[in-house]
Amino acid sequence: MPKFEKPKMSELCQRAFSEYSARADESNINIGIVEGTPIVFDQPTIIGGLFEETIARGAVSESVLKDVALFFNHDLNTKPLARTRNHHLSFSIDDMGVHMRAELNLDRGDSRDFYLAVKDEDIDGMSFMLRVEADEWSDLDTELPKRRITKIGYVQEVSGVNYPAYLGTSINARADGLLESDRKALDSARATLMDIKEEKRDVKTNILIKRYSTRGKNNEL
């Protein structure tokens, strides 16, 4: 029988979606509210020309959104614009995806610049950095396999991005190293499929050998 091993938690990777816009609404003189949808469910997208990916409903739980920061263009070397641990960043989950609300301190130059860029719709999309804990692969024998993420184990940050991408252009918002993690995930899934096929082939061969061996003994009798 094929042996299945529990998948290991993957490396961090990024996803960007342009269909869902961030929006800004100034609530008072010093606070700007920015809202957006960084994670969408059941929306197929092409990842780096490697495979089609869908994030399943239920793949994200509130437990993985407890320590998340908001950045611009995934620049983790800059100061976070908001953070969940100080309650300036919050999330809600529904059937469509994960929605974000950030309270920005407009006395900070970087926060105000970000807020105004969102308000002017120069920044109109969201992206996020994640770690995949469980997924399902199909069509691995084709040029465009399909990956369905069923559980996200970790969300490190969300970002407003200059060039959010959907489908084929999603690589524009991704670092080369993070795209490499997706290649590894695809290679691993294909290797697992080959192992399963090899085991099935060995089982079938053994059955045939046993069958013909039995026939030979019967003929001798």
N, C-alpha and C. Protein backbone atom coordinates (compact mmCIF):
# COMPACT_ATOMS: atom_id res chain seq x y z
N MET A 1 0.85 -1.20 0.00
CA MET A 1 0.00 0.00 0.00
C MET A 1 0.88 1.24 0.00
N PRO A 2 0.49 2.31 -0.69
CA PRO A 2 1.28 3.54 -0.68
C PRO A 2 1.39 4.11 0.72
N LYS A 3 2.57 4.62 1.02
CA LYS A 3 2.78 5.22 2.33
C LYS A 3 2.68 6.74 2.21
N PHE A 4 1.88 7.33 3.07
CA PHE A 4 1.69 8.77 3.04
C PHE A 4 2.31 9.37 4.29
N GLU A 5 3.13 10.40 4.11
CA GLU A 5 3.73 11.09 5.23
C GLU A 5 3.05 12.44 5.41
N LYS A 6 2.94 12.85 6.68
CA LYS A 6 2.35 14.16 6.97
C LYS A 6 3.23 15.25 6.38
N PRO A 7 2.64 16.16 5.56
CA PRO A 7 3.46 17.18 4.93
C PRO A 7 4.08 18.12 5.96
N LYS A 8 5.32 18.50 5.66
CA LYS A 8 6.01 19.45 6.54
C LYS A 8 5.57 20.87 6.21
N MET A 9 5.66 21.75 7.23
CA MET A 9 5.28 23.14 7.01
C MET A 9 6.23 23.76 5.99
N SER A 10 5.70 24.46 5.02
CA SER A 10 6.50 24.99 3.93
C SER A 10 7.25 26.26 4.32
N GLU A 11 8.04 26.76 3.37
CA GLU A 11 8.72 28.02 3.58
C GLU A 11 7.74 29.17 3.35
N LEU A 12 8.14 30.36 3.78
CA LEU A 12 7.29 31.53 3.59
C LEU A 12 7.17 31.85 2.11
N CYS A 13 5.99 32.29 1.70
CA CYS A 13 5.78 32.73 0.34
C CYS A 13 4.78 33.88 0.35
N GLN A 14 4.73 34.62 -0.74
CA GLN A 14 3.86 35.78 -0.82
C GLN A 14 2.77 35.58 -1.85
N ARG A 15 1.67 36.25 -1.65
CA ARG A 15 0.59 36.26 -2.62
C ARG A 15 0.07 37.69 -2.74
N ALA A 16 -0.27 38.09 -3.96
CA ALA A 16 -0.78 39.45 -4.18
C ALA A 16 -2.02 39.39 -5.06
N PHE A 17 -3.00 40.20 -4.74
CA PHE A 17 -4.26 40.21 -5.47
C PHE A 17 -4.64 41.65 -5.80
N SER A 18 -4.96 41.90 -7.07
CA SER A 18 -5.29 43.25 -7.48
C SER A 18 -6.79 43.50 -7.54
N GLU A 19 -7.59 42.45 -7.46
CA GLU A 19 -9.03 42.62 -7.59
C GLU A 19 -9.64 43.32 -6.38
N TYR A 20 -8.96 43.24 -5.24
CA TYR A 20 -9.52 43.76 -4.01
C TYR A 20 -8.73 44.98 -3.58
N SER A 21 -9.36 46.13 -3.62
CA SER A 21 -8.66 47.38 -3.40
C SER A 21 -8.63 47.78 -1.94
N ALA A 22 -7.52 48.39 -1.54
CA ALA A 22 -7.47 49.03 -0.24
C ALA A 22 -8.17 50.37 -0.35
N ARG A 23 -8.77 50.84 0.74
CA ARG A 23 -9.41 52.15 0.72
C ARG A 23 -9.12 52.89 2.02
N ALA A 24 -9.17 54.19 1.96
CA ALA A 24 -8.82 54.99 3.12
C ALA A 24 -9.97 55.91 3.49
N ASP A 25 -10.14 56.13 4.79
CA ASP A 25 -11.20 57.01 5.28
C ASP A 25 -10.71 57.66 6.56
N GLU A 26 -10.47 58.96 6.53
CA GLU A 26 -9.91 59.65 7.68
C GLU A 26 -10.99 59.84 8.75
N SER A 27 -10.76 59.22 9.92
CA SER A 27 -11.78 59.28 10.96
C SER A 27 -11.63 60.51 11.84
N ASN A 28 -10.41 60.98 12.05
CA ASN A 28 -10.21 62.24 12.76
C ASN A 28 -8.91 62.85 12.30
N ILE A 29 -8.50 63.93 12.91
CA ILE A 29 -7.39 64.71 12.38
C ILE A 29 -6.06 63.97 12.40
N ASN A 30 -5.87 63.03 13.32
CA ASN A 30 -4.58 62.37 13.45
C ASN A 30 -4.59 60.88 13.09
N ILE A 31 -5.76 60.33 12.81
CA ILE A 31 -5.87 58.91 12.52
C ILE A 31 -6.47 58.70 11.14
N GLY A 32 -5.82 57.87 10.33
CA GLY A 32 -6.36 57.49 9.03
C GLY A 32 -6.69 56.00 9.03
N ILE A 33 -7.86 55.65 8.55
CA ILE A 33 -8.29 54.25 8.52
C ILE A 33 -8.06 53.69 7.12
N VAL A 34 -7.35 52.59 7.05
CA VAL A 34 -7.11 51.90 5.78
C VAL A 34 -7.70 50.50 5.89
N GLU A 35 -8.50 50.12 4.91
CA GLU A 35 -9.12 48.80 4.89
C GLU A 35 -8.83 48.10 3.57
N GLY A 36 -8.75 46.81 3.63
CA GLY A 36 -8.50 46.05 2.41
C GLY A 36 -8.72 44.57 2.64
N THR A 37 -8.53 43.79 1.59
CA THR A 37 -8.69 42.33 1.65
C THR A 37 -7.42 41.68 1.13
N PRO A 38 -6.51 41.34 2.01
CA PRO A 38 -5.24 40.76 1.55
C PRO A 38 -5.31 39.29 1.16
N ILE A 39 -6.32 38.56 1.65
CA ILE A 39 -6.42 37.13 1.36
C ILE A 39 -7.83 36.83 0.84
N VAL A 40 -7.90 36.20 -0.32
CA VAL A 40 -9.21 35.86 -0.89
C VAL A 40 -9.33 34.34 -1.02
N PHE A 41 -10.55 33.84 -0.85
CA PHE A 41 -10.81 32.41 -0.91
C PHE A 41 -11.39 32.02 -2.27
N ASP A 42 -11.08 30.80 -2.69
CA ASP A 42 -11.65 30.20 -3.90
C ASP A 42 -11.51 31.09 -5.12
N GLN A 43 -10.37 31.79 -5.22
CA GLN A 43 -10.06 32.61 -6.38
C GLN A 43 -8.79 32.05 -7.02
N PRO A 44 -8.88 31.28 -8.11
CA PRO A 44 -7.69 30.70 -8.71
C PRO A 44 -6.76 31.78 -9.24
N THR A 45 -5.46 31.56 -9.05
CA THR A 45 -4.47 32.49 -9.56
C THR A 45 -3.24 31.70 -10.00
N ILE A 46 -2.55 32.16 -11.02
CA ILE A 46 -1.36 31.51 -11.53
C ILE A 46 -0.15 32.02 -10.74
N ILE A 47 0.64 31.10 -10.18
CA ILE A 47 1.79 31.47 -9.38
C ILE A 47 3.06 31.29 -10.20
N GLY A 48 3.60 32.43 -10.64
CA GLY A 48 4.87 32.43 -11.34
C GLY A 48 4.93 31.58 -12.59
N GLY A 49 3.77 31.30 -13.19
CA GLY A 49 3.74 30.44 -14.36
C GLY A 49 3.96 28.98 -14.03
N LEU A 50 4.02 28.65 -12.73
CA LEU A 50 4.32 27.28 -12.29
C LEU A 50 3.07 26.44 -12.11
N PHE A 51 2.06 27.02 -11.46
CA PHE A 51 0.85 26.25 -11.17
C PHE A 51 -0.29 27.21 -10.84
N GLU A 52 -1.52 26.66 -10.87
CA GLU A 52 -2.70 27.42 -10.48
C GLU A 52 -2.99 27.14 -9.01
N GLU A 53 -3.22 28.19 -8.28
CA GLU A 53 -3.41 28.04 -6.84
C GLU A 53 -4.74 28.64 -6.39
N THR A 54 -5.35 27.97 -5.42
CA THR A 54 -6.58 28.45 -4.80
C THR A 54 -6.45 28.29 -3.29
N ILE A 55 -6.87 29.30 -2.55
CA ILE A 55 -6.91 29.21 -1.10
C ILE A 55 -8.33 28.84 -0.69
N ALA A 56 -8.47 27.72 -0.02
CA ALA A 56 -9.79 27.21 0.32
C ALA A 56 -10.41 28.00 1.47
N ARG A 57 -11.74 28.06 1.48
CA ARG A 57 -12.44 28.61 2.63
C ARG A 57 -12.09 27.77 3.86
N GLY A 58 -11.83 28.42 4.94
CA GLY A 58 -11.46 27.70 6.15
C GLY A 58 -9.96 27.48 6.29
N ALA A 59 -9.19 27.91 5.30
CA ALA A 59 -7.74 27.71 5.35
C ALA A 59 -7.06 28.64 6.36
N VAL A 60 -7.73 29.72 6.70
CA VAL A 60 -7.16 30.70 7.63
C VAL A 60 -8.00 30.74 8.89
N SER A 61 -7.35 30.66 10.04
CA SER A 61 -8.04 30.79 11.32
C SER A 61 -7.55 32.03 12.03
N GLU A 62 -8.30 32.48 13.01
CA GLU A 62 -7.91 33.67 13.75
C GLU A 62 -6.60 33.48 14.50
N SER A 63 -6.26 32.23 14.81
CA SER A 63 -5.06 31.96 15.59
C SER A 63 -3.78 32.34 14.85
N VAL A 64 -3.81 32.36 13.52
CA VAL A 64 -2.60 32.70 12.75
C VAL A 64 -2.55 34.19 12.42
N LEU A 65 -3.49 34.95 12.95
CA LEU A 65 -3.55 36.39 12.68
C LEU A 65 -3.33 37.22 13.94
N LYS A 66 -2.70 36.62 14.95
CA LYS A 66 -2.56 37.31 16.23
C LYS A 66 -1.37 38.26 16.29
N ASP A 67 -0.33 38.00 15.51
CA ASP A 67 0.84 38.87 15.51
C ASP A 67 1.24 39.17 14.07
N VAL A 68 0.52 40.10 13.47
CA VAL A 68 0.73 40.46 12.06
C VAL A 68 1.01 41.96 11.98
N ALA A 69 1.87 42.34 11.07
CA ALA A 69 2.21 43.75 10.88
C ALA A 69 1.83 44.19 9.46
N LEU A 70 1.59 45.48 9.31
CA LEU A 70 1.28 46.07 8.01
C LEU A 70 2.50 46.82 7.50
N PHE A 71 2.89 46.53 6.25
CA PHE A 71 4.02 47.19 5.61
C PHE A 71 3.63 47.72 4.24
N PHE A 72 4.56 48.41 3.63
CA PHE A 72 4.42 48.84 2.24
C PHE A 72 5.39 48.02 1.39
N ASN A 73 4.85 47.34 0.39
CA ASN A 73 5.65 46.54 -0.54
C ASN A 73 6.53 45.49 0.14
N HIS A 74 6.05 44.90 1.22
CA HIS A 74 6.77 43.81 1.89
C HIS A 74 8.16 44.21 2.37
N ASP A 75 8.36 45.50 2.63
CA ASP A 75 9.68 45.95 3.06
C ASP A 75 9.79 45.78 4.57
N LEU A 76 10.28 44.62 5.00
CA LEU A 76 10.35 44.31 6.42
C LEU A 76 11.49 45.05 7.12
N ASN A 77 12.30 45.76 6.35
CA ASN A 77 13.38 46.54 6.95
C ASN A 77 12.92 47.93 7.40
N THR A 78 11.68 48.26 7.11
CA THR A 78 11.13 49.54 7.54
C THR A 78 10.25 49.34 8.77
N LYS A 79 9.81 50.45 9.33
CA LYS A 79 8.94 50.38 10.52
C LYS A 79 7.55 49.93 10.10
N PRO A 80 6.92 49.03 10.88
CA PRO A 80 5.54 48.64 10.58
C PRO A 80 4.62 49.86 10.65
N LEU A 81 3.66 49.91 9.76
CA LEU A 81 2.69 51.00 9.76
C LEU A 81 1.59 50.77 10.79
N ALA A 82 1.34 49.52 11.10
CA ALA A 82 0.35 49.14 12.12
C ALA A 82 0.63 47.70 12.51
N ARG A 83 0.08 47.31 13.67
CA ARG A 83 0.37 45.96 14.15
C ARG A 83 -0.78 45.46 15.02
N THR A 84 -1.01 44.14 14.96
CA THR A 84 -2.11 43.59 15.73
C THR A 84 -1.84 43.64 17.23
N ARG A 85 -0.59 43.50 17.63
CA ARG A 85 -0.28 43.42 19.06
C ARG A 85 -0.60 44.72 19.81
N ASN A 86 -0.63 45.86 19.09
CA ASN A 86 -1.03 47.11 19.75
C ASN A 86 -2.44 47.53 19.35
N HIS A 87 -3.16 46.59 18.70
CA HIS A 87 -4.58 46.76 18.35
C HIS A 87 -4.80 47.86 17.31
N HIS A 88 -3.76 48.25 16.58
CA HIS A 88 -3.94 49.21 15.49
C HIS A 88 -4.19 48.51 14.16
N LEU A 89 -4.08 47.18 14.18
CA LEU A 89 -4.36 46.37 13.00
C LEU A 89 -5.26 45.21 13.42
N SER A 90 -6.34 45.01 12.69
CA SER A 90 -7.28 43.94 13.03
C SER A 90 -7.76 43.25 11.76
N PHE A 91 -8.26 42.02 11.94
CA PHE A 91 -8.72 41.22 10.81
C PHE A 91 -10.08 40.61 11.10
N SER A 92 -10.82 40.35 10.05
CA SER A 92 -12.07 39.61 10.15
C SER A 92 -12.11 38.61 8.99
N ILE A 93 -12.75 37.48 9.21
CA ILE A 93 -12.80 36.42 8.21
C ILE A 93 -14.26 36.12 7.86
N ASP A 94 -14.54 36.05 6.57
CA ASP A 94 -15.86 35.62 6.12
C ASP A 94 -15.70 34.67 4.94
N ASP A 95 -16.77 34.38 4.23
CA ASP A 95 -16.71 33.42 3.13
C ASP A 95 -15.89 33.92 1.94
N MET A 96 -15.70 35.24 1.86
CA MET A 96 -14.96 35.80 0.73
C MET A 96 -13.45 35.80 0.96
N GLY A 97 -13.04 35.99 2.23
CA GLY A 97 -11.61 36.05 2.51
C GLY A 97 -11.31 36.67 3.85
N VAL A 98 -10.10 37.18 3.98
CA VAL A 98 -9.64 37.83 5.21
C VAL A 98 -9.56 39.33 4.96
N HIS A 99 -10.26 40.09 5.77
CA HIS A 99 -10.32 41.53 5.61
C HIS A 99 -9.51 42.22 6.71
N MET A 100 -8.91 43.35 6.35
CA MET A 100 -8.02 44.06 7.25
C MET A 100 -8.52 45.47 7.52
N ARG A 101 -8.29 45.94 8.76
CA ARG A 101 -8.55 47.34 9.11
C ARG A 101 -7.36 47.85 9.91
N ALA A 102 -6.77 48.94 9.43
CA ALA A 102 -5.58 49.50 10.08
C ALA A 102 -5.84 50.96 10.47
N GLU A 103 -5.43 51.31 11.69
CA GLU A 103 -5.49 52.69 12.16
C GLU A 103 -4.08 53.27 12.08
N LEU A 104 -3.88 54.22 11.17
CA LEU A 104 -2.56 54.79 10.94
C LEU A 104 -2.40 56.12 11.66
N ASN A 105 -1.25 56.29 12.28
CA ASN A 105 -0.91 57.54 12.95
C ASN A 105 -0.42 58.53 11.90
N LEU A 106 -1.25 59.52 11.56
CA LEU A 106 -0.92 60.45 10.49
C LEU A 106 0.11 61.49 10.92
N ASP A 107 0.51 61.48 12.19
CA ASP A 107 1.62 62.34 12.61
C ASP A 107 2.96 61.76 12.16
N ARG A 108 2.96 60.49 11.79
CA ARG A 108 4.15 59.85 11.23
C ARG A 108 4.19 60.11 9.73
N GLY A 109 5.34 60.52 9.22
CA GLY A 109 5.46 60.83 7.81
C GLY A 109 5.23 59.63 6.92
N ASP A 110 5.76 58.46 7.30
CA ASP A 110 5.60 57.28 6.47
C ASP A 110 4.15 56.81 6.44
N SER A 111 3.48 56.89 7.59
CA SER A 111 2.08 56.48 7.65
C SER A 111 1.20 57.42 6.83
N ARG A 112 1.48 58.71 6.93
CA ARG A 112 0.67 59.67 6.18
C ARG A 112 0.89 59.51 4.67
N ASP A 113 2.14 59.29 4.25
CA ASP A 113 2.41 59.08 2.83
C ASP A 113 1.67 57.84 2.32
N PHE A 114 1.70 56.78 3.12
CA PHE A 114 1.01 55.55 2.74
C PHE A 114 -0.49 55.79 2.66
N TYR A 115 -1.03 56.45 3.67
CA TYR A 115 -2.46 56.73 3.72
C TYR A 115 -2.91 57.55 2.51
N LEU A 116 -2.16 58.60 2.17
CA LEU A 116 -2.53 59.47 1.05
C LEU A 116 -2.42 58.72 -0.27
N ALA A 117 -1.43 57.82 -0.39
CA ALA A 117 -1.30 57.05 -1.62
C ALA A 117 -2.49 56.11 -1.80
N VAL A 118 -2.97 55.54 -0.68
CA VAL A 118 -4.16 54.69 -0.74
C VAL A 118 -5.39 55.54 -1.08
N LYS A 119 -5.49 56.67 -0.44
CA LYS A 119 -6.64 57.55 -0.66
C LYS A 119 -6.69 58.04 -2.11
N ASP A 120 -5.51 58.29 -2.70
CA ASP A 120 -5.44 58.74 -4.09
C ASP A 120 -5.54 57.58 -5.08
N GLU A 121 -5.65 56.34 -4.54
CA GLU A 121 -5.77 55.12 -5.33
C GLU A 121 -4.51 54.82 -6.13
N ASP A 122 -3.37 55.39 -5.71
CA ASP A 122 -2.09 55.00 -6.30
C ASP A 122 -1.69 53.62 -5.79
N ILE A 123 -2.07 53.32 -4.58
CA ILE A 123 -1.94 51.97 -4.03
C ILE A 123 -3.36 51.43 -3.91
N ASP A 124 -3.65 50.37 -4.63
CA ASP A 124 -5.04 49.88 -4.64
C ASP A 124 -5.14 48.37 -4.47
N GLY A 125 -4.12 47.74 -3.98
CA GLY A 125 -4.18 46.30 -3.81
C GLY A 125 -3.47 45.84 -2.57
N MET A 126 -3.72 44.62 -2.17
CA MET A 126 -3.16 44.04 -0.97
C MET A 126 -2.37 42.79 -1.31
N SER A 127 -1.41 42.47 -0.46
CA SER A 127 -0.61 41.26 -0.60
C SER A 127 -0.30 40.76 0.80
N PHE A 128 0.20 39.53 0.90
CA PHE A 128 0.51 39.00 2.23
C PHE A 128 1.61 37.95 2.16
N MET A 129 2.26 37.72 3.28
CA MET A 129 3.30 36.71 3.38
C MET A 129 2.78 35.59 4.26
N LEU A 130 2.88 34.36 3.77
CA LEU A 130 2.26 33.24 4.46
C LEU A 130 3.17 32.03 4.50
N ARG A 131 2.82 31.08 5.34
CA ARG A 131 3.44 29.76 5.34
C ARG A 131 2.33 28.73 5.20
N VAL A 132 2.46 27.86 4.23
CA VAL A 132 1.45 26.84 3.96
C VAL A 132 1.69 25.63 4.86
N GLU A 133 0.65 25.20 5.55
CA GLU A 133 0.76 24.03 6.42
C GLU A 133 0.18 22.78 5.78
N ALA A 134 -0.86 22.93 4.97
CA ALA A 134 -1.46 21.77 4.31
C ALA A 134 -2.02 22.19 2.96
N ASP A 135 -1.82 21.33 1.96
CA ASP A 135 -2.34 21.63 0.63
C ASP A 135 -2.67 20.35 -0.11
N GLU A 136 -3.38 20.49 -1.21
CA GLU A 136 -3.75 19.37 -2.06
C GLU A 136 -3.35 19.70 -3.50
N TRP A 137 -2.74 18.73 -4.17
CA TRP A 137 -2.29 18.94 -5.54
C TRP A 137 -3.09 18.04 -6.49
N SER A 138 -3.29 18.55 -7.71
CA SER A 138 -3.94 17.75 -8.75
C SER A 138 -3.35 18.15 -10.10
N ASP A 139 -3.62 17.34 -11.11
CA ASP A 139 -3.12 17.59 -12.47
C ASP A 139 -1.60 17.77 -12.50
N LEU A 140 -0.89 17.00 -11.69
CA LEU A 140 0.56 17.14 -11.63
C LEU A 140 1.25 16.68 -12.91
N ASP A 141 0.56 15.92 -13.74
CA ASP A 141 1.14 15.46 -15.00
C ASP A 141 0.97 16.48 -16.12
N THR A 142 0.32 17.57 -15.85
CA THR A 142 0.07 18.59 -16.87
C THR A 142 1.07 19.73 -16.75
N GLU A 143 1.05 20.63 -17.73
CA GLU A 143 1.95 21.79 -17.71
C GLU A 143 1.54 22.80 -16.64
N LEU A 144 0.28 22.75 -16.22
CA LEU A 144 -0.19 23.69 -15.21
C LEU A 144 -0.91 22.93 -14.10
N PRO A 145 -0.16 22.39 -13.14
CA PRO A 145 -0.79 21.68 -12.02
C PRO A 145 -1.66 22.63 -11.20
N LYS A 146 -2.49 22.04 -10.36
CA LYS A 146 -3.36 22.83 -9.50
C LYS A 146 -3.02 22.55 -8.03
N ARG A 147 -2.93 23.63 -7.27
CA ARG A 147 -2.66 23.52 -5.84
C ARG A 147 -3.80 24.19 -5.08
N ARG A 148 -4.33 23.48 -4.11
CA ARG A 148 -5.39 24.02 -3.26
C ARG A 148 -4.85 24.07 -1.84
N ILE A 149 -4.68 25.27 -1.31
CA ILE A 149 -4.17 25.44 0.04
C ILE A 149 -5.34 25.26 1.01
N THR A 150 -5.23 24.27 1.87
CA THR A 150 -6.32 23.96 2.79
C THR A 150 -6.05 24.46 4.21
N LYS A 151 -4.79 24.77 4.51
CA LYS A 151 -4.48 25.32 5.83
C LYS A 151 -3.24 26.20 5.77
N ILE A 152 -3.39 27.43 6.21
CA ILE A 152 -2.27 28.36 6.33
C ILE A 152 -1.82 28.34 7.78
N GLY A 153 -0.55 28.03 8.00
CA GLY A 153 -0.06 27.89 9.36
C GLY A 153 0.49 29.15 9.97
N TYR A 154 0.74 30.17 9.13
CA TYR A 154 1.38 31.36 9.66
C TYR A 154 1.21 32.50 8.67
N VAL A 155 0.81 33.66 9.16
CA VAL A 155 0.79 34.89 8.37
C VAL A 155 1.69 35.89 9.08
N GLN A 156 2.77 36.28 8.43
CA GLN A 156 3.73 37.19 9.06
C GLN A 156 3.34 38.65 8.89
N GLU A 157 2.93 39.01 7.67
CA GLU A 157 2.62 40.41 7.42
C GLU A 157 1.67 40.54 6.24
N VAL A 158 1.05 41.72 6.15
CA VAL A 158 0.27 42.09 4.98
C VAL A 158 0.82 43.42 4.48
N SER A 159 0.63 43.68 3.20
CA SER A 159 1.21 44.89 2.62
C SER A 159 0.26 45.52 1.62
N GLY A 160 0.34 46.85 1.56
CA GLY A 160 -0.19 47.56 0.41
C GLY A 160 0.94 47.59 -0.61
N VAL A 161 0.63 47.32 -1.87
CA VAL A 161 1.70 47.18 -2.86
C VAL A 161 1.48 48.07 -4.07
N ASN A 162 2.59 48.49 -4.70
CA ASN A 162 2.51 49.31 -5.90
C ASN A 162 1.89 48.57 -7.06
N TYR A 163 2.32 47.33 -7.26
CA TYR A 163 1.88 46.56 -8.40
C TYR A 163 1.30 45.23 -7.95
N PRO A 164 0.14 45.26 -7.35
CA PRO A 164 -0.50 43.99 -6.97
C PRO A 164 -0.82 43.22 -8.23
N ALA A 165 -0.64 41.93 -8.17
CA ALA A 165 -0.82 41.14 -9.38
C ALA A 165 -1.81 40.01 -9.14
N TYR A 166 -2.53 39.66 -10.19
CA TYR A 166 -3.48 38.55 -10.14
C TYR A 166 -3.20 37.68 -11.34
N LEU A 167 -3.35 36.41 -11.18
CA LEU A 167 -3.06 35.45 -12.23
C LEU A 167 -1.60 35.52 -12.66
N GLY A 168 -1.31 35.65 -13.93
CA GLY A 168 0.03 35.49 -14.46
C GLY A 168 1.06 36.49 -13.98
N THR A 169 0.63 37.65 -13.51
CA THR A 169 1.59 38.67 -13.14
C THR A 169 1.89 38.70 -11.66
N SER A 170 1.50 37.68 -10.91
CA SER A 170 1.68 37.69 -9.46
C SER A 170 3.15 37.70 -9.06
N ILE A 171 4.03 37.34 -9.95
CA ILE A 171 5.45 37.34 -9.63
C ILE A 171 5.97 38.76 -9.40
N ASN A 172 5.28 39.75 -9.92
CA ASN A 172 5.73 41.13 -9.76
C ASN A 172 5.78 41.57 -8.30
N ALA A 173 5.00 40.93 -7.47
CA ALA A 173 4.97 41.32 -6.06
C ALA A 173 5.67 40.30 -5.18
N ARG A 174 6.50 39.46 -5.78
CA ARG A 174 7.12 38.37 -5.04
C ARG A 174 8.63 38.44 -5.19
N ALA A 175 9.34 38.08 -4.12
CA ALA A 175 10.79 38.01 -4.15
C ALA A 175 11.22 36.70 -4.78
N ASP A 176 12.39 36.70 -5.43
CA ASP A 176 12.87 35.49 -6.10
C ASP A 176 12.97 34.32 -5.14
N GLY A 177 13.47 34.56 -3.94
CA GLY A 177 13.64 33.50 -2.96
C GLY A 177 12.32 32.89 -2.56
N LEU A 178 11.28 33.71 -2.48
CA LEU A 178 9.96 33.22 -2.10
C LEU A 178 9.33 32.43 -3.23
N LEU A 179 9.58 32.83 -4.47
CA LEU A 179 9.08 32.06 -5.60
C LEU A 179 9.76 30.70 -5.64
N GLU A 180 11.02 30.64 -5.24
CA GLU A 180 11.74 29.37 -5.20
C GLU A 180 11.07 28.38 -4.26
N SER A 181 10.50 28.89 -3.16
CA SER A 181 9.80 28.00 -2.22
C SER A 181 8.59 27.37 -2.89
N ASP A 182 7.94 28.10 -3.80
CA ASP A 182 6.81 27.53 -4.54
C ASP A 182 7.27 26.47 -5.52
N ARG A 183 8.43 26.68 -6.13
CA ARG A 183 8.99 25.65 -7.02
C ARG A 183 9.28 24.37 -6.23
N LYS A 184 9.83 24.54 -5.03
CA LYS A 184 10.12 23.38 -4.19
C LYS A 184 8.84 22.64 -3.82
N ALA A 185 7.77 23.39 -3.52
CA ALA A 185 6.50 22.77 -3.17
C ALA A 185 5.95 21.96 -4.33
N LEU A 186 6.06 22.51 -5.56
CA LEU A 186 5.59 21.80 -6.74
C LEU A 186 6.44 20.55 -6.99
N ASP A 187 7.77 20.68 -6.89
CA ASP A 187 8.66 19.54 -7.10
C ASP A 187 8.38 18.43 -6.09
N SER A 188 8.13 18.83 -4.84
CA SER A 188 7.85 17.86 -3.79
C SER A 188 6.56 17.11 -4.08
N ALA A 189 5.53 17.84 -4.52
CA ALA A 189 4.25 17.21 -4.83
C ALA A 189 4.39 16.24 -5.99
N ARG A 190 5.17 16.63 -7.01
CA ARG A 190 5.37 15.74 -8.15
C ARG A 190 6.18 14.51 -7.76
N ALA A 191 7.17 14.70 -6.89
CA ALA A 191 7.98 13.57 -6.43
C ALA A 191 7.12 12.57 -5.65
N THR A 192 6.21 13.10 -4.83
CA THR A 192 5.31 12.23 -4.06
C THR A 192 4.41 11.44 -5.00
N LEU A 193 3.92 12.11 -6.06
CA LEU A 193 3.07 11.42 -7.03
C LEU A 193 3.85 10.31 -7.73
N MET A 194 5.11 10.57 -8.06
CA MET A 194 5.93 9.55 -8.72
C MET A 194 6.17 8.35 -7.80
N ASP A 195 6.40 8.63 -6.49
CA ASP A 195 6.59 7.55 -5.53
C ASP A 195 5.35 6.67 -5.43
N ILE A 196 4.18 7.32 -5.39
CA ILE A 196 2.92 6.57 -5.31
C ILE A 196 2.73 5.71 -6.55
N LYS A 197 3.02 6.28 -7.73
CA LYS A 197 2.88 5.53 -8.97
C LYS A 197 3.85 4.35 -9.00
N GLU A 198 5.08 4.58 -8.50
CA GLU A 198 6.08 3.52 -8.48
C GLU A 198 5.66 2.38 -7.57
N GLU A 199 5.10 2.74 -6.39
CA GLU A 199 4.63 1.71 -5.46
C GLU A 199 3.47 0.92 -6.05
N LYS A 200 2.56 1.62 -6.72
CA LYS A 200 1.43 0.93 -7.36
C LYS A 200 1.94 0.00 -8.46
N ARG A 201 2.96 0.45 -9.21
CA ARG A 201 3.51 -0.36 -10.28
C ARG A 201 4.18 -1.61 -9.72
N ASP A 202 4.89 -1.44 -8.58
CA ASP A 202 5.55 -2.59 -7.95
C ASP A 202 4.52 -3.62 -7.46
N VAL A 203 3.44 -3.10 -6.86
CA VAL A 203 2.38 -3.98 -6.37
C VAL A 203 1.76 -4.76 -7.53
N LYS A 204 1.48 -4.04 -8.63
CA LYS A 204 0.87 -4.68 -9.79
C LYS A 204 1.81 -5.73 -10.38
N THR A 205 3.10 -5.42 -10.43
CA THR A 205 4.08 -6.36 -10.97
C THR A 205 4.16 -7.63 -10.12
N ASN A 206 4.17 -7.43 -8.81
CA ASN A 206 4.22 -8.58 -7.90
C ASN A 206 3.00 -9.49 -8.05
N ILE A 207 1.85 -8.87 -8.24
CA ILE A 207 0.62 -9.65 -8.43
C ILE A 207 0.70 -10.47 -9.71
N LEU A 208 1.21 -9.84 -10.80
CA LEU A 208 1.33 -10.54 -12.07
C LEU A 208 2.33 -11.68 -11.98
N ILE A 209 3.46 -11.42 -11.30
CA ILE A 209 4.46 -12.47 -11.15
C ILE A 209 3.89 -13.66 -10.39
N LYS A 210 3.17 -13.36 -9.31
CA LYS A 210 2.56 -14.42 -8.51
C LYS A 210 1.53 -15.19 -9.33
N ARG A 211 0.75 -14.45 -10.15
CA ARG A 211 -0.30 -15.07 -10.94
C ARG A 211 0.29 -16.03 -11.98
N TYR A 212 1.34 -15.55 -12.71
CA TYR A 212 1.95 -16.39 -13.74
C TYR A 212 2.73 -17.54 -13.13
N SER A 213 3.28 -17.31 -11.94
CA SER A 213 3.99 -18.38 -11.25
C SER A 213 3.04 -19.50 -10.88
N THR A 214 1.85 -19.11 -10.41
CA THR A 214 0.84 -20.10 -10.06
C THR A 214 0.36 -20.87 -11.27
N ARG A 215 0.19 -20.17 -12.41
CA ARG A 215 -0.23 -20.82 -13.64
C ARG A 215 0.80 -21.84 -14.09
N GLY A 216 2.10 -21.50 -13.92
CA GLY A 216 3.16 -22.41 -14.33
C GLY A 216 3.13 -23.68 -13.52
N LYS A 217 2.90 -23.56 -12.22
CA LYS A 217 2.84 -24.75 -11.38
C LYS A 217 1.64 -25.61 -11.76
N ASN A 218 0.51 -24.99 -12.07
CA ASN A 218 -0.68 -25.73 -12.45
C ASN A 218 -0.46 -26.49 -13.76
N ASN A 219 0.27 -25.89 -14.68
CA ASN A 219 0.54 -26.55 -15.97
C ASN A 219 1.44 -27.76 -15.77
N GLU A 220 2.38 -27.66 -14.81
CA GLU A 220 3.27 -28.78 -14.55
C GLU A 220 2.47 -29.97 -14.03
N LEU A 221 1.44 -29.65 -13.23
CA LEU A 221 0.61 -30.73 -12.70
C LEU A 221 -0.23 -31.36 -13.82
